[in-house]
N, C-alpha and C. Protein backbone atom coordinates (compact mmCIF):
# COMPACT_ATOMS: atom_id res chain seq x y z
N MET A 1 3.71 -8.99 -15.49
CA MET A 1 4.54 -9.94 -14.74
C MET A 1 5.99 -9.80 -15.17
N VAL A 2 6.91 -9.76 -14.20
CA VAL A 2 8.32 -9.60 -14.52
C VAL A 2 8.86 -10.86 -15.15
N ASP A 3 9.63 -10.71 -16.21
CA ASP A 3 10.25 -11.84 -16.89
C ASP A 3 11.22 -12.52 -15.95
N SER A 4 11.10 -13.83 -15.83
CA SER A 4 11.96 -14.58 -14.93
C SER A 4 13.42 -14.42 -15.29
N ASP A 5 13.73 -14.20 -16.60
CA ASP A 5 15.11 -14.06 -17.02
C ASP A 5 15.77 -12.85 -16.37
N SER A 6 14.98 -11.78 -16.16
CA SER A 6 15.55 -10.57 -15.59
C SER A 6 15.79 -10.70 -14.11
N LEU A 7 15.22 -11.72 -13.48
CA LEU A 7 15.36 -11.90 -12.04
C LEU A 7 16.45 -12.89 -11.68
N THR A 8 16.57 -13.94 -12.44
CA THR A 8 17.49 -15.00 -12.05
C THR A 8 18.51 -15.34 -13.11
N GLY A 9 18.30 -14.87 -14.31
CA GLY A 9 19.22 -15.22 -15.38
C GLY A 9 18.87 -16.54 -16.02
N THR A 10 17.85 -17.20 -15.51
CA THR A 10 17.41 -18.47 -16.08
C THR A 10 15.92 -18.42 -16.28
N SER A 11 15.43 -19.13 -17.25
CA SER A 11 13.99 -19.13 -17.52
C SER A 11 13.30 -20.14 -16.63
N ILE A 12 12.02 -19.92 -16.44
CA ILE A 12 11.22 -20.84 -15.66
C ILE A 12 11.13 -22.16 -16.40
N PRO A 13 11.32 -23.29 -15.69
CA PRO A 13 11.29 -24.59 -16.35
C PRO A 13 9.99 -24.81 -17.10
N PRO A 14 10.04 -25.24 -18.33
CA PRO A 14 8.82 -25.44 -19.11
C PRO A 14 8.07 -26.67 -18.64
N VAL A 15 6.76 -26.63 -18.84
CA VAL A 15 5.92 -27.78 -18.52
C VAL A 15 6.06 -28.79 -19.65
N GLN A 16 6.41 -30.00 -19.32
CA GLN A 16 6.63 -31.03 -20.33
C GLN A 16 5.38 -31.85 -20.61
N ARG A 17 4.50 -31.90 -19.62
CA ARG A 17 3.31 -32.72 -19.80
C ARG A 17 2.27 -32.25 -18.79
N GLY A 18 1.10 -32.87 -18.77
CA GLY A 18 0.11 -32.54 -17.77
C GLY A 18 -1.02 -31.68 -18.29
N PHE A 19 -0.89 -31.05 -19.49
CA PHE A 19 -1.94 -30.24 -20.06
C PHE A 19 -2.72 -31.05 -21.09
N SER A 20 -4.00 -30.82 -21.13
CA SER A 20 -4.80 -31.47 -22.16
C SER A 20 -4.68 -30.68 -23.46
N ASP A 21 -5.13 -31.29 -24.59
CA ASP A 21 -4.98 -30.65 -25.89
C ASP A 21 -5.74 -29.34 -25.99
N ASP A 22 -6.86 -29.22 -25.23
CA ASP A 22 -7.66 -28.01 -25.33
C ASP A 22 -7.33 -26.98 -24.26
N CYS A 23 -6.24 -27.19 -23.53
CA CYS A 23 -5.84 -26.24 -22.50
C CYS A 23 -5.27 -24.99 -23.16
N GLU A 24 -5.73 -23.80 -22.73
CA GLU A 24 -5.30 -22.56 -23.34
C GLU A 24 -4.08 -21.95 -22.63
N VAL A 25 -3.59 -22.58 -21.57
CA VAL A 25 -2.45 -22.07 -20.85
C VAL A 25 -1.17 -22.32 -21.63
N ASN A 26 -0.31 -21.33 -21.70
CA ASN A 26 0.99 -21.49 -22.34
C ASN A 26 1.80 -22.50 -21.55
N PRO A 27 2.19 -23.62 -22.14
CA PRO A 27 2.93 -24.65 -21.42
C PRO A 27 4.23 -24.16 -20.80
N ASN A 28 4.78 -23.05 -21.31
CA ASN A 28 6.02 -22.52 -20.75
C ASN A 28 5.81 -21.63 -19.53
N ASP A 29 4.56 -21.28 -19.29
CA ASP A 29 4.28 -20.35 -18.20
C ASP A 29 3.88 -21.11 -16.94
N LEU A 30 4.85 -21.79 -16.35
CA LEU A 30 4.57 -22.60 -15.17
C LEU A 30 4.18 -21.74 -13.99
N SER A 31 4.74 -20.53 -13.90
CA SER A 31 4.40 -19.66 -12.77
C SER A 31 2.92 -19.31 -12.77
N ALA A 32 2.36 -19.03 -13.95
CA ALA A 32 0.95 -18.71 -14.05
C ALA A 32 0.09 -19.91 -13.67
N LEU A 33 0.53 -21.10 -14.06
CA LEU A 33 -0.20 -22.31 -13.72
C LEU A 33 -0.20 -22.53 -12.22
N ILE A 34 0.97 -22.37 -11.60
CA ILE A 34 1.06 -22.54 -10.14
C ILE A 34 0.16 -21.54 -9.44
N GLU A 35 0.18 -20.30 -9.90
CA GLU A 35 -0.66 -19.27 -9.31
C GLU A 35 -2.13 -19.63 -9.41
N ALA A 36 -2.54 -20.16 -10.57
CA ALA A 36 -3.93 -20.57 -10.76
C ALA A 36 -4.30 -21.70 -9.81
N LEU A 37 -3.41 -22.67 -9.66
CA LEU A 37 -3.68 -23.80 -8.76
C LEU A 37 -3.78 -23.34 -7.31
N LEU A 38 -2.88 -22.46 -6.90
CA LEU A 38 -2.89 -21.98 -5.52
C LEU A 38 -4.11 -21.12 -5.24
N LEU A 39 -4.58 -20.40 -6.26
CA LEU A 39 -5.74 -19.54 -6.09
C LEU A 39 -7.00 -20.33 -5.77
N VAL A 40 -7.12 -21.53 -6.37
CA VAL A 40 -8.32 -22.33 -6.15
C VAL A 40 -8.14 -23.36 -5.03
N ALA A 41 -6.93 -23.51 -4.53
CA ALA A 41 -6.69 -24.49 -3.47
C ALA A 41 -7.37 -24.03 -2.18
N PRO A 42 -8.14 -24.90 -1.53
CA PRO A 42 -8.84 -24.51 -0.31
C PRO A 42 -7.92 -24.34 0.90
N GLU A 43 -6.70 -24.83 0.80
CA GLU A 43 -5.74 -24.75 1.89
C GLU A 43 -4.34 -24.78 1.29
N PRO A 44 -3.30 -24.49 2.10
CA PRO A 44 -1.93 -24.54 1.56
C PRO A 44 -1.68 -25.84 0.81
N ALA A 45 -1.12 -25.71 -0.39
CA ALA A 45 -0.93 -26.86 -1.27
C ALA A 45 0.42 -27.52 -1.06
N ASP A 46 0.42 -28.83 -1.09
CA ASP A 46 1.66 -29.59 -0.97
C ASP A 46 2.44 -29.50 -2.29
N LEU A 47 3.76 -29.38 -2.19
CA LEU A 47 4.58 -29.26 -3.38
C LEU A 47 4.41 -30.47 -4.31
N ARG A 48 4.30 -31.63 -3.72
CA ARG A 48 4.14 -32.84 -4.53
C ARG A 48 2.81 -32.82 -5.29
N ALA A 49 1.77 -32.30 -4.65
CA ALA A 49 0.48 -32.21 -5.32
C ALA A 49 0.54 -31.23 -6.49
N LEU A 50 1.26 -30.12 -6.31
CA LEU A 50 1.42 -29.16 -7.40
C LEU A 50 2.17 -29.79 -8.57
N ALA A 51 3.24 -30.52 -8.26
CA ALA A 51 4.04 -31.16 -9.30
C ALA A 51 3.20 -32.18 -10.07
N THR A 52 2.40 -32.94 -9.34
CA THR A 52 1.55 -33.96 -9.98
C THR A 52 0.52 -33.31 -10.90
N ALA A 53 -0.11 -32.24 -10.40
CA ALA A 53 -1.14 -31.56 -11.20
C ALA A 53 -0.55 -30.92 -12.45
N ALA A 54 0.64 -30.35 -12.32
CA ALA A 54 1.27 -29.67 -13.45
C ALA A 54 2.00 -30.62 -14.38
N GLY A 55 2.29 -31.83 -13.89
CA GLY A 55 3.01 -32.79 -14.70
C GLY A 55 4.49 -32.48 -14.81
N VAL A 56 5.07 -31.89 -13.76
CA VAL A 56 6.50 -31.56 -13.75
C VAL A 56 7.12 -32.11 -12.48
N SER A 57 8.44 -31.99 -12.39
CA SER A 57 9.13 -32.47 -11.19
C SER A 57 8.98 -31.48 -10.05
N ILE A 58 9.18 -31.96 -8.83
CA ILE A 58 9.15 -31.07 -7.66
C ILE A 58 10.26 -30.03 -7.78
N HIS A 59 11.38 -30.42 -8.36
CA HIS A 59 12.49 -29.48 -8.56
C HIS A 59 12.05 -28.31 -9.43
N ALA A 60 11.30 -28.60 -10.48
CA ALA A 60 10.81 -27.54 -11.37
C ALA A 60 9.85 -26.62 -10.62
N ILE A 61 9.01 -27.20 -9.77
CA ILE A 61 8.09 -26.40 -8.97
C ILE A 61 8.88 -25.48 -8.03
N GLU A 62 9.89 -26.02 -7.36
CA GLU A 62 10.68 -25.24 -6.41
C GLU A 62 11.43 -24.11 -7.11
N GLU A 63 11.98 -24.39 -8.30
CA GLU A 63 12.68 -23.35 -9.05
C GLU A 63 11.73 -22.22 -9.44
N THR A 64 10.55 -22.60 -9.87
CA THR A 64 9.57 -21.59 -10.28
C THR A 64 9.08 -20.78 -9.09
N LEU A 65 8.85 -21.44 -7.97
CA LEU A 65 8.43 -20.73 -6.76
C LEU A 65 9.49 -19.72 -6.34
N ALA A 66 10.76 -20.08 -6.47
CA ALA A 66 11.84 -19.16 -6.11
C ALA A 66 11.81 -17.91 -6.98
N VAL A 67 11.53 -18.10 -8.27
CA VAL A 67 11.42 -16.96 -9.18
C VAL A 67 10.23 -16.08 -8.79
N MET A 68 9.11 -16.71 -8.46
CA MET A 68 7.91 -15.97 -8.08
C MET A 68 8.14 -15.18 -6.79
N GLN A 69 8.85 -15.79 -5.83
CA GLN A 69 9.11 -15.11 -4.57
C GLN A 69 10.06 -13.94 -4.75
N ALA A 70 10.92 -14.01 -5.76
CA ALA A 70 11.88 -12.93 -5.99
C ALA A 70 11.25 -11.72 -6.67
N ASP A 71 10.07 -11.91 -7.23
CA ASP A 71 9.39 -10.83 -7.94
C ASP A 71 8.61 -9.98 -6.94
N GLU A 72 9.16 -8.83 -6.57
CA GLU A 72 8.55 -7.98 -5.56
C GLU A 72 7.49 -7.05 -6.14
N THR A 73 7.21 -7.16 -7.42
CA THR A 73 6.21 -6.29 -8.04
C THR A 73 4.82 -6.92 -7.99
N ARG A 74 4.73 -8.16 -7.55
CA ARG A 74 3.46 -8.87 -7.59
C ARG A 74 2.51 -8.39 -6.49
N GLY A 75 1.22 -8.40 -6.81
CA GLY A 75 0.22 -8.08 -5.81
C GLY A 75 -0.05 -9.26 -4.90
N LEU A 76 0.18 -10.47 -5.44
CA LEU A 76 0.07 -11.69 -4.66
C LEU A 76 1.47 -12.26 -4.46
N VAL A 77 1.76 -12.72 -3.27
CA VAL A 77 3.07 -13.29 -2.99
C VAL A 77 2.91 -14.76 -2.61
N VAL A 78 3.95 -15.51 -2.86
CA VAL A 78 3.97 -16.93 -2.53
C VAL A 78 4.54 -17.09 -1.13
N VAL A 79 3.80 -17.73 -0.26
CA VAL A 79 4.24 -17.99 1.10
C VAL A 79 4.50 -19.48 1.26
N ARG A 80 5.72 -19.83 1.56
CA ARG A 80 6.08 -21.24 1.70
C ARG A 80 6.37 -21.57 3.16
N HIS A 81 5.82 -22.68 3.61
CA HIS A 81 6.08 -23.17 4.96
C HIS A 81 6.38 -24.66 4.85
N GLN A 82 7.65 -25.01 5.03
CA GLN A 82 8.09 -26.39 4.90
C GLN A 82 7.74 -26.90 3.50
N GLU A 83 6.89 -27.89 3.38
CA GLU A 83 6.58 -28.48 2.08
C GLU A 83 5.23 -28.04 1.53
N THR A 84 4.68 -26.96 2.08
CA THR A 84 3.41 -26.45 1.57
C THR A 84 3.57 -24.99 1.16
N VAL A 85 2.66 -24.54 0.32
CA VAL A 85 2.75 -23.16 -0.19
C VAL A 85 1.35 -22.63 -0.43
N HIS A 86 1.17 -21.31 -0.25
CA HIS A 86 -0.12 -20.70 -0.56
C HIS A 86 0.12 -19.25 -1.00
N LEU A 87 -0.92 -18.63 -1.51
CA LEU A 87 -0.86 -17.25 -1.96
C LEU A 87 -1.40 -16.32 -0.88
N ALA A 88 -0.82 -15.12 -0.80
CA ALA A 88 -1.31 -14.10 0.12
C ALA A 88 -1.11 -12.74 -0.55
N SER A 89 -1.88 -11.75 -0.10
CA SER A 89 -1.68 -10.41 -0.64
C SER A 89 -0.34 -9.88 -0.19
N ALA A 90 0.31 -9.09 -1.02
CA ALA A 90 1.62 -8.55 -0.69
C ALA A 90 1.55 -7.73 0.59
N PRO A 91 2.48 -7.96 1.52
CA PRO A 91 2.46 -7.26 2.82
C PRO A 91 2.37 -5.74 2.69
N ARG A 92 3.00 -5.18 1.64
CA ARG A 92 3.00 -3.72 1.51
C ARG A 92 1.61 -3.16 1.23
N PHE A 93 0.69 -4.01 0.80
CA PHE A 93 -0.67 -3.57 0.51
C PHE A 93 -1.64 -3.85 1.67
N ALA A 94 -1.10 -4.38 2.78
CA ALA A 94 -1.95 -4.79 3.89
C ALA A 94 -2.89 -3.68 4.37
N PRO A 95 -2.43 -2.44 4.57
CA PRO A 95 -3.35 -1.39 5.04
C PRO A 95 -4.50 -1.15 4.07
N VAL A 96 -4.21 -1.17 2.78
CA VAL A 96 -5.25 -0.93 1.77
C VAL A 96 -6.23 -2.10 1.74
N VAL A 97 -5.70 -3.32 1.84
CA VAL A 97 -6.56 -4.50 1.85
C VAL A 97 -7.50 -4.47 3.05
N ARG A 98 -6.96 -4.11 4.22
CA ARG A 98 -7.81 -4.03 5.42
C ARG A 98 -8.91 -2.99 5.22
N ARG A 99 -8.53 -1.86 4.67
CA ARG A 99 -9.50 -0.78 4.46
C ARG A 99 -10.57 -1.22 3.47
N PHE A 100 -10.14 -1.89 2.40
CA PHE A 100 -11.07 -2.35 1.38
C PHE A 100 -12.07 -3.34 1.95
N LEU A 101 -11.57 -4.26 2.76
CA LEU A 101 -12.44 -5.28 3.34
C LEU A 101 -13.09 -4.84 4.65
N ARG A 102 -12.72 -3.64 5.09
CA ARG A 102 -13.25 -3.10 6.35
C ARG A 102 -13.01 -4.06 7.51
N LEU A 103 -11.80 -4.58 7.50
CA LEU A 103 -11.46 -5.53 8.56
C LEU A 103 -10.98 -4.78 9.79
N GLU A 104 -11.37 -5.23 10.93
CA GLU A 104 -10.84 -4.69 12.16
C GLU A 104 -9.46 -5.29 12.40
N ARG A 105 -8.60 -4.54 13.06
CA ARG A 105 -7.29 -5.06 13.38
C ARG A 105 -7.43 -6.29 14.26
N GLU A 106 -6.59 -7.26 14.01
CA GLU A 106 -6.64 -8.47 14.80
C GLU A 106 -6.25 -8.16 16.24
N ALA A 107 -6.79 -8.94 17.15
CA ALA A 107 -6.48 -8.73 18.55
C ALA A 107 -4.97 -8.72 18.74
N LYS A 108 -4.49 -7.73 19.49
CA LYS A 108 -3.05 -7.59 19.66
C LYS A 108 -2.51 -8.59 20.67
N LEU A 109 -1.24 -8.92 20.50
CA LEU A 109 -0.57 -9.83 21.42
C LEU A 109 0.08 -9.06 22.55
N THR A 110 0.15 -9.69 23.71
CA THR A 110 0.86 -9.08 24.83
C THR A 110 2.35 -9.13 24.57
N GLY A 111 3.10 -8.35 25.33
CA GLY A 111 4.55 -8.38 25.20
C GLY A 111 5.11 -9.74 25.51
N ALA A 112 4.51 -10.41 26.51
CA ALA A 112 4.98 -11.75 26.86
C ALA A 112 4.76 -12.73 25.71
N ALA A 113 3.61 -12.60 25.04
CA ALA A 113 3.33 -13.49 23.91
C ALA A 113 4.26 -13.21 22.75
N LEU A 114 4.55 -11.93 22.49
CA LEU A 114 5.48 -11.58 21.42
C LEU A 114 6.87 -12.13 21.69
N GLU A 115 7.32 -11.99 22.93
CA GLU A 115 8.65 -12.49 23.28
C GLU A 115 8.72 -14.00 23.11
N THR A 116 7.64 -14.68 23.49
CA THR A 116 7.61 -16.14 23.39
C THR A 116 7.58 -16.60 21.94
N VAL A 117 6.73 -15.98 21.13
CA VAL A 117 6.65 -16.41 19.73
C VAL A 117 7.94 -16.07 18.99
N ALA A 118 8.63 -15.01 19.41
CA ALA A 118 9.91 -14.67 18.79
C ALA A 118 10.96 -15.72 19.13
N LEU A 119 10.96 -16.17 20.38
CA LEU A 119 11.89 -17.22 20.78
C LEU A 119 11.65 -18.49 19.97
N ILE A 120 10.39 -18.84 19.81
CA ILE A 120 10.06 -20.04 19.04
C ILE A 120 10.49 -19.88 17.59
N ALA A 121 10.23 -18.70 17.02
CA ALA A 121 10.58 -18.46 15.62
C ALA A 121 12.06 -18.62 15.35
N TYR A 122 12.89 -18.13 16.29
CA TYR A 122 14.33 -18.17 16.07
C TYR A 122 15.01 -19.47 16.52
N ARG A 123 14.39 -20.19 17.45
CA ARG A 123 15.05 -21.38 17.99
C ARG A 123 14.32 -22.68 17.68
N GLN A 124 13.25 -22.63 16.92
CA GLN A 124 12.44 -23.82 16.64
C GLN A 124 13.24 -24.95 15.98
N PRO A 125 12.84 -26.20 16.32
CA PRO A 125 11.83 -26.57 17.32
C PRO A 125 12.37 -26.40 18.73
N VAL A 126 11.49 -26.01 19.64
CA VAL A 126 11.92 -25.72 21.01
C VAL A 126 10.84 -26.20 21.98
N THR A 127 11.26 -26.67 23.14
CA THR A 127 10.31 -27.18 24.14
C THR A 127 9.88 -26.06 25.09
N ARG A 128 8.81 -26.30 25.82
CA ARG A 128 8.35 -25.32 26.79
C ARG A 128 9.41 -25.08 27.86
N ALA A 129 10.09 -26.14 28.28
CA ALA A 129 11.12 -25.98 29.31
C ALA A 129 12.24 -25.07 28.82
N GLU A 130 12.61 -25.20 27.55
CA GLU A 130 13.66 -24.34 26.99
C GLU A 130 13.20 -22.89 26.92
N ILE A 131 11.95 -22.69 26.56
CA ILE A 131 11.41 -21.34 26.50
C ILE A 131 11.39 -20.72 27.89
N GLU A 132 10.93 -21.48 28.87
CA GLU A 132 10.84 -20.98 30.24
C GLU A 132 12.23 -20.71 30.82
N PHE A 133 13.21 -21.51 30.43
CA PHE A 133 14.58 -21.27 30.90
C PHE A 133 15.09 -19.93 30.36
N LEU A 134 14.79 -19.65 29.09
CA LEU A 134 15.26 -18.42 28.47
C LEU A 134 14.50 -17.19 28.98
N ARG A 135 13.20 -17.36 29.22
CA ARG A 135 12.40 -16.21 29.67
C ARG A 135 12.40 -16.07 31.18
N GLY A 136 12.63 -17.15 31.87
CA GLY A 136 12.68 -17.08 33.33
C GLY A 136 11.32 -17.07 34.00
N VAL A 137 10.27 -17.39 33.27
CA VAL A 137 8.92 -17.41 33.83
C VAL A 137 8.14 -18.57 33.24
N ASP A 138 7.04 -18.94 33.88
CA ASP A 138 6.17 -19.99 33.37
C ASP A 138 5.51 -19.51 32.07
N CYS A 139 5.48 -20.36 31.08
CA CYS A 139 4.96 -19.97 29.76
C CYS A 139 3.77 -20.81 29.31
N SER A 140 3.22 -21.61 30.21
CA SER A 140 2.14 -22.49 29.80
C SER A 140 0.93 -21.72 29.27
N GLY A 141 0.56 -20.64 29.96
CA GLY A 141 -0.58 -19.84 29.53
C GLY A 141 -0.34 -19.14 28.21
N VAL A 142 0.87 -18.58 28.05
CA VAL A 142 1.22 -17.88 26.81
C VAL A 142 1.23 -18.85 25.64
N LEU A 143 1.80 -20.04 25.85
CA LEU A 143 1.83 -21.05 24.79
C LEU A 143 0.42 -21.46 24.38
N ALA A 144 -0.46 -21.58 25.36
CA ALA A 144 -1.84 -21.94 25.06
C ALA A 144 -2.51 -20.86 24.20
N THR A 145 -2.21 -19.60 24.51
CA THR A 145 -2.76 -18.50 23.73
C THR A 145 -2.23 -18.50 22.30
N LEU A 146 -0.92 -18.68 22.16
CA LEU A 146 -0.31 -18.70 20.83
C LEU A 146 -0.83 -19.87 20.00
N HIS A 147 -1.03 -21.01 20.67
CA HIS A 147 -1.57 -22.19 19.98
C HIS A 147 -3.01 -21.93 19.54
N ALA A 148 -3.80 -21.31 20.42
CA ALA A 148 -5.19 -21.02 20.09
C ALA A 148 -5.30 -20.02 18.95
N ARG A 149 -4.35 -19.10 18.86
CA ARG A 149 -4.34 -18.12 17.79
C ARG A 149 -3.78 -18.70 16.49
N GLY A 150 -3.29 -19.94 16.55
CA GLY A 150 -2.77 -20.58 15.36
C GLY A 150 -1.38 -20.12 14.96
N LEU A 151 -0.66 -19.48 15.89
CA LEU A 151 0.67 -18.97 15.57
C LEU A 151 1.76 -20.01 15.80
N VAL A 152 1.52 -20.97 16.68
CA VAL A 152 2.49 -22.04 16.93
C VAL A 152 1.76 -23.37 16.94
N GLU A 153 2.54 -24.43 16.74
CA GLU A 153 1.97 -25.76 16.78
C GLU A 153 3.01 -26.75 17.28
N VAL A 154 2.54 -27.91 17.69
CA VAL A 154 3.44 -28.96 18.14
C VAL A 154 3.93 -29.74 16.93
N ALA A 155 5.24 -29.92 16.85
CA ALA A 155 5.82 -30.64 15.71
C ALA A 155 6.70 -31.77 16.22
N GLY A 156 6.09 -32.70 16.91
CA GLY A 156 6.84 -33.83 17.42
C GLY A 156 7.25 -33.67 18.86
N LYS A 157 7.94 -34.67 19.37
CA LYS A 157 8.39 -34.68 20.75
C LYS A 157 9.90 -34.87 20.81
N LEU A 158 10.51 -34.28 21.83
CA LEU A 158 11.95 -34.42 22.01
C LEU A 158 12.22 -35.80 22.59
N PRO A 159 13.11 -36.60 21.97
CA PRO A 159 13.39 -37.95 22.46
C PRO A 159 14.27 -37.93 23.71
N THR A 160 13.67 -37.47 24.81
CA THR A 160 14.38 -37.42 26.08
C THR A 160 13.40 -37.72 27.19
N VAL A 161 13.83 -37.60 28.42
CA VAL A 161 12.96 -37.92 29.55
C VAL A 161 11.68 -37.10 29.50
N GLY A 162 10.54 -37.78 29.55
CA GLY A 162 9.25 -37.11 29.52
C GLY A 162 8.73 -36.83 28.13
N ASN A 163 9.57 -36.97 27.11
CA ASN A 163 9.17 -36.70 25.72
C ASN A 163 8.37 -35.41 25.58
N PRO A 164 8.96 -34.26 25.95
CA PRO A 164 8.23 -32.99 25.87
C PRO A 164 7.92 -32.58 24.44
N ASN A 165 6.82 -31.86 24.28
CA ASN A 165 6.44 -31.35 22.96
C ASN A 165 7.46 -30.34 22.46
N GLN A 166 7.65 -30.32 21.15
CA GLN A 166 8.50 -29.32 20.51
C GLN A 166 7.61 -28.38 19.70
N TYR A 167 7.80 -27.09 19.91
CA TYR A 167 6.95 -26.09 19.27
C TYR A 167 7.66 -25.42 18.09
N VAL A 168 6.87 -25.15 17.04
CA VAL A 168 7.36 -24.42 15.86
C VAL A 168 6.29 -23.39 15.48
N THR A 169 6.68 -22.43 14.66
CA THR A 169 5.71 -21.46 14.16
C THR A 169 4.95 -22.04 12.97
N THR A 170 3.87 -21.37 12.58
CA THR A 170 2.97 -21.88 11.56
C THR A 170 2.88 -20.95 10.35
N VAL A 171 2.12 -21.37 9.37
CA VAL A 171 1.83 -20.53 8.21
C VAL A 171 1.11 -19.27 8.65
N GLU A 172 0.22 -19.38 9.64
CA GLU A 172 -0.51 -18.24 10.14
C GLU A 172 0.44 -17.21 10.76
N PHE A 173 1.50 -17.69 11.40
CA PHE A 173 2.53 -16.79 11.93
C PHE A 173 3.14 -15.96 10.80
N LEU A 174 3.49 -16.63 9.70
CA LEU A 174 4.06 -15.93 8.55
C LEU A 174 3.07 -14.89 8.03
N ARG A 175 1.81 -15.27 7.93
CA ARG A 175 0.79 -14.36 7.38
C ARG A 175 0.62 -13.13 8.25
N GLN A 176 0.49 -13.34 9.56
CA GLN A 176 0.24 -12.21 10.45
C GLN A 176 1.42 -11.25 10.55
N PHE A 177 2.63 -11.79 10.40
CA PHE A 177 3.81 -10.95 10.54
C PHE A 177 4.37 -10.51 9.18
N GLY A 178 3.60 -10.77 8.11
CA GLY A 178 3.99 -10.27 6.80
C GLY A 178 5.26 -10.87 6.24
N LEU A 179 5.50 -12.16 6.51
CA LEU A 179 6.71 -12.84 6.04
C LEU A 179 6.34 -13.85 4.96
N ARG A 180 7.21 -14.01 3.98
CA ARG A 180 7.00 -15.05 2.96
C ARG A 180 7.55 -16.38 3.44
N SER A 181 8.62 -16.32 4.23
CA SER A 181 9.23 -17.52 4.80
C SER A 181 10.04 -17.11 6.02
N LEU A 182 10.51 -18.10 6.79
CA LEU A 182 11.29 -17.81 7.98
C LEU A 182 12.63 -17.18 7.66
N THR A 183 13.07 -17.33 6.42
CA THR A 183 14.35 -16.72 6.03
C THR A 183 14.28 -15.20 6.04
N GLU A 184 13.07 -14.64 6.07
CA GLU A 184 12.92 -13.19 6.10
C GLU A 184 12.94 -12.62 7.50
N LEU A 185 13.10 -13.48 8.52
CA LEU A 185 13.25 -12.97 9.88
C LEU A 185 14.51 -12.13 9.96
N PRO A 186 14.51 -11.06 10.74
CA PRO A 186 15.71 -10.21 10.85
C PRO A 186 16.92 -11.00 11.33
N SER A 187 18.10 -10.65 10.83
CA SER A 187 19.34 -11.29 11.26
C SER A 187 19.75 -10.75 12.62
N LEU A 188 20.81 -11.34 13.19
CA LEU A 188 21.31 -10.87 14.49
C LEU A 188 21.70 -9.40 14.42
N ALA A 189 22.34 -8.99 13.33
CA ALA A 189 22.76 -7.60 13.20
C ALA A 189 21.54 -6.67 13.17
N GLU A 190 20.48 -7.13 12.48
CA GLU A 190 19.27 -6.33 12.41
C GLU A 190 18.55 -6.29 13.73
N LEU A 191 18.65 -7.40 14.49
CA LEU A 191 18.03 -7.43 15.82
C LEU A 191 18.61 -6.33 16.70
N ALA A 192 19.91 -6.14 16.62
CA ALA A 192 20.58 -5.13 17.43
C ALA A 192 20.06 -3.74 17.08
N GLY A 193 19.58 -3.58 15.84
CA GLY A 193 19.07 -2.29 15.42
C GLY A 193 17.58 -2.13 15.65
N GLY A 194 16.96 -3.09 16.32
CA GLY A 194 15.54 -2.99 16.64
C GLY A 194 14.63 -3.48 15.54
N ALA A 195 15.14 -4.27 14.61
CA ALA A 195 14.32 -4.73 13.49
C ALA A 195 13.16 -5.59 13.95
N THR A 196 13.38 -6.41 14.99
CA THR A 196 12.30 -7.28 15.47
C THR A 196 11.18 -6.46 16.09
N ASP A 197 11.56 -5.39 16.81
CA ASP A 197 10.54 -4.53 17.38
C ASP A 197 9.67 -3.92 16.28
N ARG A 198 10.31 -3.53 15.17
CA ARG A 198 9.55 -2.95 14.06
C ARG A 198 8.69 -4.01 13.39
N LEU A 199 9.21 -5.23 13.31
CA LEU A 199 8.45 -6.33 12.71
C LEU A 199 7.16 -6.57 13.48
N PHE A 200 7.26 -6.52 14.82
CA PHE A 200 6.11 -6.82 15.66
C PHE A 200 5.30 -5.58 16.01
N GLU A 201 5.70 -4.42 15.51
CA GLU A 201 5.00 -3.18 15.82
C GLU A 201 3.54 -3.27 15.37
N GLY A 202 2.65 -2.85 16.26
CA GLY A 202 1.23 -2.89 15.91
C GLY A 202 0.54 -4.14 16.37
N LEU A 203 1.31 -5.17 16.75
CA LEU A 203 0.70 -6.40 17.24
C LEU A 203 0.81 -6.51 18.76
N ALA A 204 1.58 -5.60 19.36
CA ALA A 204 1.76 -5.64 20.80
C ALA A 204 0.79 -4.69 21.49
N THR A 205 0.37 -5.06 22.69
CA THR A 205 -0.48 -4.19 23.48
C THR A 205 0.40 -3.15 24.14
N SER A 206 -0.20 -2.11 24.63
CA SER A 206 0.56 -1.07 25.32
C SER A 206 0.12 -0.98 26.77
N ARG A 207 -0.24 -2.13 27.33
CA ARG A 207 -0.69 -2.15 28.72
C ARG A 207 0.47 -1.85 29.65
N PRO A 208 0.27 -1.01 30.67
CA PRO A 208 1.33 -0.71 31.62
C PRO A 208 1.85 -1.98 32.26
N GLY A 209 3.14 -2.04 32.45
CA GLY A 209 3.73 -3.20 33.11
C GLY A 209 3.94 -4.38 32.20
N ASP A 210 3.63 -4.22 30.93
CA ASP A 210 3.77 -5.35 30.01
C ASP A 210 4.64 -4.97 28.82
N ASP A 211 5.58 -4.05 29.05
CA ASP A 211 6.44 -3.56 27.99
C ASP A 211 7.69 -4.41 27.88
N HIS A 212 7.56 -5.55 27.23
CA HIS A 212 8.71 -6.43 26.99
C HIS A 212 9.38 -6.01 25.70
N HIS A 213 10.68 -5.93 25.70
CA HIS A 213 11.41 -5.60 24.49
C HIS A 213 12.16 -6.83 24.03
N LEU A 214 12.01 -7.16 22.77
CA LEU A 214 12.60 -8.38 22.24
C LEU A 214 14.09 -8.24 21.99
N THR A 215 14.54 -7.06 21.60
CA THR A 215 15.94 -6.89 21.27
C THR A 215 16.81 -7.22 22.47
N GLY A 216 17.78 -8.10 22.24
CA GLY A 216 18.68 -8.49 23.31
C GLY A 216 18.22 -9.74 24.02
N HIS A 217 16.99 -10.18 23.76
CA HIS A 217 16.46 -11.36 24.45
C HIS A 217 16.34 -12.57 23.53
N VAL A 218 16.40 -12.34 22.23
CA VAL A 218 16.21 -13.43 21.29
C VAL A 218 17.53 -13.74 20.61
N THR A 219 17.88 -15.00 20.56
CA THR A 219 19.11 -15.40 19.89
C THR A 219 18.77 -16.32 18.75
N ARG A 220 19.48 -16.19 17.67
CA ARG A 220 19.24 -17.03 16.51
C ARG A 220 20.18 -18.21 16.56
N PRO A 221 19.71 -19.44 16.31
CA PRO A 221 20.57 -20.61 16.38
C PRO A 221 21.67 -20.56 15.34
């Protein structure tokens, strides 16, 4: 494991309390403790729950998570979505992991679905009407597909006429697209260079007549 000092210039905040007398974990190794907790968590863990279990402040948890995310040598990476976090295999090992588990490739998304989920990712929260205005076509079916695949979810309603649903991306979106957080989405400059197309490569179908290109169609708020 890479020393946190070499990554950030500061050490990982020590655990001040929360361990029993017979605990064999080094109280200063908060990153290892967080990793252990996330490994046994049945679902993405809330930051407050991690802080309570470790006996430290949420700030200490967030600082340690930042150090863990900066360590690109890890086989497991920390994926954070809003106030929850979970562990996933490092994206660079995805082909080997699939081969090891003999997993079939996940069903590919259509170009229309990719364009829609990209719009949501960059402009979230966003309503269906806003998506349809930007794409120029009805998106009800595509949104239903993305929701069923667990890539998007409703996160409240817009306080306006009709109170339309507002859509955001999910933890599953991050997992499928090999992202640790939304901050890893390509920037506008990278979009111009086709970075989004490369990000979504392998998830799009190649059906004739469905060749939507994201570059030039997605704007970042």
